[in-house]
Protein backbone atom coordinates (compact mmCIF):
# COMPACT_ATOMS: atom_id res chain seq x y z
CA UNK A 1 0.00 0.00 0.00
CA UNK A 2 1.02 3.63 -0.37
CA UNK A 3 1.16 4.06 3.41
CA UNK A 4 3.53 1.11 3.79
CA UNK A 5 5.80 2.47 1.09
CA UNK A 6 5.87 5.89 2.77
CA UNK A 7 7.04 4.26 6.01
CA UNK A 8 9.73 2.25 4.22
CA UNK A 9 10.89 5.36 2.34
CA UNK A 10 11.18 7.28 5.62
CA UNK A 11 13.17 4.43 7.19
CA UNK A 12 15.49 4.34 4.17
CA UNK A 13 16.11 8.07 4.47
CA UNK A 14 17.01 7.69 8.15
CA UNK A 15 19.20 4.64 7.42
CA UNK A 16 21.09 6.67 4.81
CA UNK A 17 21.76 9.53 7.25
CA UNK A 18 25.50 10.33 7.46
CA UNK A 19 25.41 10.37 11.29
CA UNK A 20 25.81 6.73 12.39
CA UNK A 21 23.90 7.30 15.63
CA UNK A 22 20.85 8.41 13.67
CA UNK A 23 21.17 5.76 10.96
CA UNK A 24 21.54 3.00 13.55
CA UNK A 25 18.07 3.78 14.94
CA UNK A 26 16.60 1.77 12.06
CA UNK A 27 18.81 -1.32 12.46
CA UNK A 28 16.36 -3.15 14.75
CA UNK A 29 13.55 -2.66 12.21
CA UNK A 30 15.65 -3.98 9.32
CA UNK A 31 16.78 -6.97 11.38
CA UNK A 32 13.20 -7.79 12.40
CA UNK A 33 12.06 -7.49 8.79
CA UNK A 34 14.83 -9.84 7.63
CA UNK A 35 13.89 -12.41 10.27
CA UNK A 36 10.21 -12.20 9.31
CA UNK A 37 10.96 -12.61 5.61
CA UNK A 38 13.27 -15.60 6.05
CA UNK A 39 11.20 -17.66 8.49
């Protein structure tokens, strides 16, 4: 859905932030997504 894509786009923008402390805020989400997709 469009709403889901907006959330993913926002997470990608944060993950691409040059400040590691800010970018790392999304790591738990990406890890959880990877686990969910590979179960």
